[in-house]
Amino acid sequence: MQHQTSATVPALLVLLFNAVAAAQPHSGDVIVKLEAGRLITGRLVQGSASFPWQVAAATFGDTGIPGATFNPGYDSEIGALPPSQPVGLTIRKALRAWDGQTFSAIPAQPTPPRLNIIKNNVTITTPVTDPGSCGVGDSLILGIVNSTGKIHEHPAYQLVNPVEGVYLLEVELWLGQPGQAASRPVSIVFNQDSGAFAQAVVWAEDRLGAPCYANCDDSTGSPVLTANDFQCFLNRYASGACEANCDGSTGSPVLTANDFQCFLNAYAAGCP
């Protein structure tokens, strides 16, 4: 669901985010490319795009607006995407908060912290609880790929009912062109006046930065991929776990035989 930007969003926030979108790419942007029918996300490392990478970080108030930021942006190299196609963002889960050990669900309360994402006068908001049945939350279009196959857009992120802490937002990116799968989940760590930000970012990068999908059981031995990973995937599929949606499909049912083939392909490709 989408809705128009409300009057509660600071006017300066609405006026500025389009200007920020024109800024030069920087190391905090999420870099995007289309590869083998799926959007792949990465990051800038010493000025060059490095793939895959699924974590970004930002600080509310970094542009002088309390509780808001325009980072991270979404950028690509020239020729990385098909021209004239929309690139969008979808919220996957409810906002999480850092508890000193992990990012956990925010307890239900009358006014829990939530996150608005604003682009092109459209606002989407994190749900209070995760969507059921492997569903996803609200979506918006970030922008249109230009004639050179490049996109560079910065939405505005606004923390609603702000409380000091570190927050985790999980999103996926998609291309409007039919037949292209959405990206793997991208986790964005946001800081709201917390001294635990660096610790939380390290945790996220270690666990979520470049996970190997085929290593379902998260083993660290040698070899990394074993029969246990097949059993792990089968267990996830049988239980209807959203993590078993290997191909990123959104139809009904979400989990199909295509997910088995996707997992087999990932296993055959191995882990870095």
Protein backbone atom coordinates (compact mmCIF):
# COMPACT_ATOMS: atom_id res chain seq x y z
CA MET A 1 0.00 0.00 0.00
CA GLN A 2 1.18 3.53 -0.76
CA HIS A 3 -0.05 6.82 0.57
CA GLN A 4 0.72 10.44 -0.10
CA THR A 5 3.23 12.20 2.14
CA SER A 6 1.35 13.50 5.16
CA ALA A 7 1.53 16.98 6.64
CA THR A 8 3.38 15.55 9.66
CA VAL A 9 6.49 15.02 7.54
CA PRO A 10 8.68 18.12 7.90
CA ALA A 11 8.37 20.33 4.84
CA LEU A 12 12.13 20.62 4.61
CA LEU A 13 12.40 16.84 4.39
CA VAL A 14 10.09 16.73 1.40
CA LEU A 15 11.88 19.59 -0.34
CA LEU A 16 15.38 18.25 0.13
CA PHE A 17 15.30 14.58 -0.72
CA ASN A 18 15.02 15.15 -4.48
CA ALA A 19 18.04 17.45 -4.34
CA VAL A 20 20.06 14.86 -2.44
CA ALA A 21 19.23 12.26 -5.10
CA ALA A 22 21.36 14.22 -7.54
CA ALA A 23 24.46 13.97 -5.32
CA GLN A 24 27.50 11.97 -6.38
CA PRO A 25 27.59 8.31 -5.28
CA HIS A 26 29.45 7.58 -2.09
CA SER A 27 30.61 4.56 -0.14
CA GLY A 28 27.36 4.31 1.80
CA ASP A 29 25.14 3.70 -1.24
CA VAL A 30 23.62 0.33 -2.08
CA ILE A 31 24.95 -0.56 -5.54
CA VAL A 32 22.61 -2.49 -7.84
CA LYS A 33 23.03 -4.55 -11.00
CA LEU A 34 21.01 -7.10 -12.95
CA GLU A 35 22.70 -10.48 -13.25
CA ALA A 36 21.25 -13.79 -14.45
CA GLY A 37 17.66 -12.58 -14.07
CA ARG A 38 18.01 -11.20 -10.55
CA LEU A 39 18.91 -7.88 -8.98
CA ILE A 40 22.19 -8.16 -7.09
CA THR A 41 23.22 -5.65 -4.43
CA GLY A 42 26.70 -4.53 -3.51
CA ARG A 43 28.72 -1.64 -2.10
CA LEU A 44 31.54 0.69 -3.07
CA VAL A 45 34.97 -0.44 -1.91
CA GLN A 46 37.77 2.03 -2.63
CA GLY A 47 35.65 3.58 -5.34
CA SER A 48 34.75 0.33 -7.12
CA ALA A 49 31.56 -1.72 -6.92
CA SER A 50 31.91 -4.98 -5.00
CA PHE A 51 29.25 -7.73 -5.09
CA PRO A 52 27.45 -9.28 -3.34
CA TRP A 53 26.82 -7.21 -0.22
CA GLN A 54 23.56 -6.88 1.70
CA VAL A 55 24.19 -4.41 4.55
CA ALA A 56 24.18 -0.61 4.66
CA ALA A 57 24.31 1.85 7.55
CA ALA A 58 23.22 5.44 8.19
CA THR A 59 22.67 7.93 11.00
CA PHE A 60 19.49 9.91 11.56
CA GLY A 61 20.14 13.63 11.67
CA ASP A 62 23.24 13.49 9.46
CA THR A 63 21.84 16.19 7.15
CA GLY A 64 20.64 18.43 9.96
CA ILE A 65 17.06 17.15 10.16
CA PRO A 66 16.42 15.37 13.49
CA GLY A 67 15.15 11.82 13.11
CA ALA A 68 15.69 11.74 9.35
CA THR A 69 18.33 10.86 6.76
CA PHE A 70 18.66 10.50 3.00
CA ASN A 71 21.10 7.61 3.28
CA PRO A 72 21.65 5.06 2.01
CA GLY A 73 21.00 5.84 -1.63
CA TYR A 74 20.64 3.32 -4.45
CA ASP A 75 23.12 3.58 -7.28
CA SER A 76 24.40 1.58 -10.23
CA GLU A 77 27.21 1.64 -12.73
CA ILE A 78 26.47 2.65 -16.32
CA GLY A 79 24.96 -0.27 -18.24
CA ALA A 80 24.15 -2.26 -15.11
CA LEU A 81 20.37 -2.04 -15.61
CA PRO A 82 17.97 -2.02 -18.59
CA PRO A 83 17.07 1.57 -19.58
CA SER A 84 13.62 3.05 -18.90
CA GLN A 85 12.69 0.46 -16.28
CA PRO A 86 11.43 1.40 -12.80
CA VAL A 87 13.46 0.29 -9.79
CA GLY A 88 11.48 -0.14 -6.59
CA LEU A 89 11.88 -0.92 -2.92
CA THR A 90 9.71 -3.15 -0.74
CA ILE A 91 9.70 -3.36 3.05
CA ARG A 92 10.07 -6.99 4.08
CA LYS A 93 9.66 -6.96 7.86
CA ALA A 94 8.79 -4.89 10.90
CA LEU A 95 11.50 -2.62 12.27
CA ARG A 96 13.96 -4.28 14.66
CA ALA A 97 15.89 -2.72 17.57
CA TRP A 98 19.36 -3.60 18.87
CA ASP A 99 19.24 -5.17 22.35
CA GLY A 100 22.99 -5.44 22.89
CA GLN A 101 23.23 -8.93 21.43
CA THR A 102 21.02 -9.02 18.35
CA PHE A 103 18.26 -7.15 16.54
CA SER A 104 14.98 -8.17 18.14
CA ALA A 105 11.33 -7.40 17.51
CA ILE A 106 10.10 -4.16 19.08
CA PRO A 107 7.53 -4.97 21.81
CA ALA A 108 3.95 -4.02 21.08
CA GLN A 109 3.08 -0.66 22.63
CA PRO A 110 0.70 2.20 21.86
CA THR A 111 3.30 4.16 19.84
CA PRO A 112 6.21 1.89 18.85
CA PRO A 113 9.04 3.37 16.76
CA ARG A 114 8.36 2.90 13.05
CA LEU A 115 10.11 4.05 9.91
CA ASN A 116 8.76 6.06 6.99
CA ILE A 117 10.42 5.84 3.58
CA ILE A 118 9.56 8.78 1.33
CA LYS A 119 10.13 9.21 -2.40
CA ASN A 120 8.30 11.17 -5.09
CA ASN A 121 5.63 12.33 -2.61
CA VAL A 122 4.82 8.74 -1.66
CA THR A 123 5.34 7.44 1.89
CA ILE A 124 5.49 3.81 3.00
CA THR A 125 5.83 2.71 6.62
CA THR A 126 7.23 -0.34 8.37
CA PRO A 127 4.48 -2.61 9.73
CA VAL A 128 4.08 -3.16 13.46
CA THR A 129 4.54 -6.91 12.96
CA ASP A 130 6.02 -8.99 10.14
CA PRO A 131 3.66 -9.74 7.23
CA GLY A 132 2.32 -13.29 7.41
CA SER A 133 2.71 -16.19 4.98
CA CYS A 134 6.06 -15.02 3.61
CA GLY A 135 4.40 -11.82 2.53
CA VAL A 136 6.07 -8.47 2.13
CA GLY A 137 5.10 -4.98 3.17
CA ASP A 138 4.53 -1.74 1.31
CA SER A 139 6.44 -0.78 -1.84
CA LEU A 140 7.40 2.38 -3.69
CA ILE A 141 9.26 3.25 -6.88
CA LEU A 142 12.69 4.75 -6.28
CA GLY A 143 13.15 5.99 -9.83
CA ILE A 144 13.55 5.11 -13.50
CA VAL A 145 16.75 3.77 -15.04
CA ASN A 146 18.15 6.38 -17.42
CA SER A 147 19.12 5.87 -21.06
CA THR A 148 22.67 4.82 -20.09
CA GLY A 149 21.45 1.98 -17.88
CA LYS A 150 22.18 3.81 -14.64
CA ILE A 151 20.12 4.82 -11.61
CA HIS A 152 21.00 6.95 -8.59
CA GLU A 153 18.25 7.77 -6.13
CA HIS A 154 18.08 8.76 -2.45
CA PRO A 155 14.76 8.36 -0.66
CA ALA A 156 14.16 10.02 2.70
CA TYR A 157 13.99 7.86 5.82
CA GLN A 158 12.13 9.25 8.83
CA LEU A 159 11.94 7.64 12.27
CA VAL A 160 8.44 7.98 13.72
CA ASN A 161 8.04 8.05 17.52
CA PRO A 162 11.84 8.22 17.83
CA VAL A 163 13.53 6.56 20.77
CA GLU A 164 17.30 6.43 21.29
CA GLY A 165 18.66 3.21 19.83
CA VAL A 166 19.92 1.33 16.79
CA TYR A 167 17.36 0.02 14.32
CA LEU A 168 17.37 -2.56 11.53
CA LEU A 169 15.25 -2.20 8.39
CA GLU A 170 15.00 -5.12 5.97
CA VAL A 171 14.05 -4.34 2.36
CA GLU A 172 14.32 -5.85 -1.08
CA LEU A 173 14.83 -4.12 -4.41
CA TRP A 174 13.01 -4.99 -7.62
CA LEU A 175 12.97 -4.13 -11.29
CA GLY A 176 9.75 -3.37 -13.14
CA GLN A 177 10.79 -5.49 -16.11
CA PRO A 178 8.79 -8.77 -16.09
CA GLY A 179 10.63 -11.97 -15.26
CA GLN A 180 13.37 -10.43 -13.11
CA ALA A 181 13.64 -11.64 -9.50
CA ALA A 182 13.88 -9.25 -6.57
CA SER A 183 17.15 -8.86 -4.72
CA ARG A 184 18.14 -10.86 -1.67
CA PRO A 185 17.19 -9.03 1.55
CA VAL A 186 19.13 -5.83 2.22
CA SER A 187 19.55 -4.91 5.89
CA ILE A 188 19.98 -1.22 6.75
CA VAL A 189 21.27 -0.27 10.21
CA PHE A 190 20.15 3.16 11.45
CA ASN A 191 21.55 5.05 14.44
CA GLN A 192 19.39 7.29 16.62
CA ASP A 193 21.73 8.85 19.20
CA SER A 194 23.12 5.50 20.38
CA GLY A 195 26.64 4.62 21.46
CA ALA A 196 26.06 1.01 20.39
CA PHE A 197 25.92 1.81 16.67
CA ALA A 198 29.41 0.54 15.77
CA GLN A 199 28.86 -2.74 17.63
CA ALA A 200 25.52 -3.29 15.92
CA VAL A 201 26.95 -2.57 12.46
CA VAL A 202 29.75 -5.10 13.00
CA TRP A 203 27.18 -7.69 14.06
CA ALA A 204 25.08 -7.04 10.95
CA GLU A 205 28.04 -7.08 8.57
CA ASP A 206 29.36 -10.33 10.02
CA ARG A 207 26.04 -12.14 9.78
CA LEU A 208 24.10 -10.43 7.00
CA GLY A 209 26.66 -8.74 4.76
CA ALA A 210 27.43 -11.50 2.27
CA PRO A 211 25.69 -14.69 3.38
CA CYS A 212 26.07 -17.79 1.24
CA TYR A 213 22.52 -18.98 0.61
CA ALA A 214 23.54 -22.60 0.05
CA ASN A 215 25.15 -22.75 3.51
CA CYS A 216 21.72 -23.20 5.05
CA ASP A 217 23.01 -24.52 8.40
CA ASP A 218 25.55 -21.68 8.79
CA SER A 219 28.38 -24.14 9.34
CA THR A 220 31.98 -22.92 9.39
CA GLY A 221 33.87 -26.20 8.98
CA SER A 222 35.49 -27.61 5.86
CA PRO A 223 33.78 -28.30 3.56
CA VAL A 224 31.25 -25.60 4.25
CA LEU A 225 28.57 -27.21 2.07
CA THR A 226 27.44 -30.69 3.11
CA ALA A 227 24.37 -32.91 3.11
CA ASN A 228 23.30 -31.05 6.25
CA ASP A 229 22.54 -28.02 4.09
CA PHE A 230 20.11 -30.06 1.98
CA GLN A 231 18.39 -31.27 5.14
CA CYS A 232 18.28 -27.72 6.48
CA PHE A 233 16.65 -26.46 3.29
CA LEU A 234 14.14 -29.33 3.29
CA ASN A 235 13.21 -28.53 6.89
CA ARG A 236 12.70 -24.88 6.05
CA TYR A 237 10.58 -25.73 3.03
CA ALA A 238 8.46 -28.23 4.96
CA SER A 239 7.80 -25.70 7.71
CA GLY A 240 6.89 -22.99 5.21
CA ALA A 241 9.75 -20.77 6.35
CA CYS A 242 10.17 -17.65 4.24
CA GLU A 243 13.91 -18.35 3.98
CA ALA A 244 13.05 -21.27 1.67
CA ASN A 245 11.80 -18.85 -0.99
CA CYS A 246 15.08 -19.14 -2.85
CA ASP A 247 13.84 -17.74 -6.17
CA GLY A 248 12.31 -14.64 -4.62
CA SER A 249 8.89 -15.31 -6.12
CA THR A 250 5.83 -13.42 -4.92
CA GLY A 251 3.03 -15.51 -6.43
CA SER A 252 0.77 -17.98 -4.67
CA PRO A 253 1.99 -20.37 -3.45
CA VAL A 254 5.28 -18.66 -2.65
CA LEU A 255 7.17 -21.93 -2.16
CA THR A 256 7.31 -24.15 -5.25
CA ALA A 257 9.53 -26.67 -7.02
CA ASN A 258 11.42 -23.71 -8.45
CA ASP A 259 12.84 -23.08 -5.00
CA PHE A 260 14.36 -26.57 -4.96
CA GLN A 261 16.00 -25.93 -8.33
CA CYS A 262 17.19 -22.54 -7.13
CA PHE A 263 18.78 -24.11 -4.05
CA LEU A 264 20.45 -26.82 -6.14
CA ASN A 265 21.90 -24.14 -8.41
CA ALA A 266 23.17 -22.19 -5.41
CA TYR A 267 24.73 -25.32 -3.93
CA ALA A 268 26.41 -26.19 -7.23
CA ALA A 269 27.83 -22.66 -7.46
CA GLY A 270 29.40 -23.08 -4.02
CA CYS A 271 30.37 -20.48 -1.44
CA PRO A 272 33.18 -17.92 -1.80
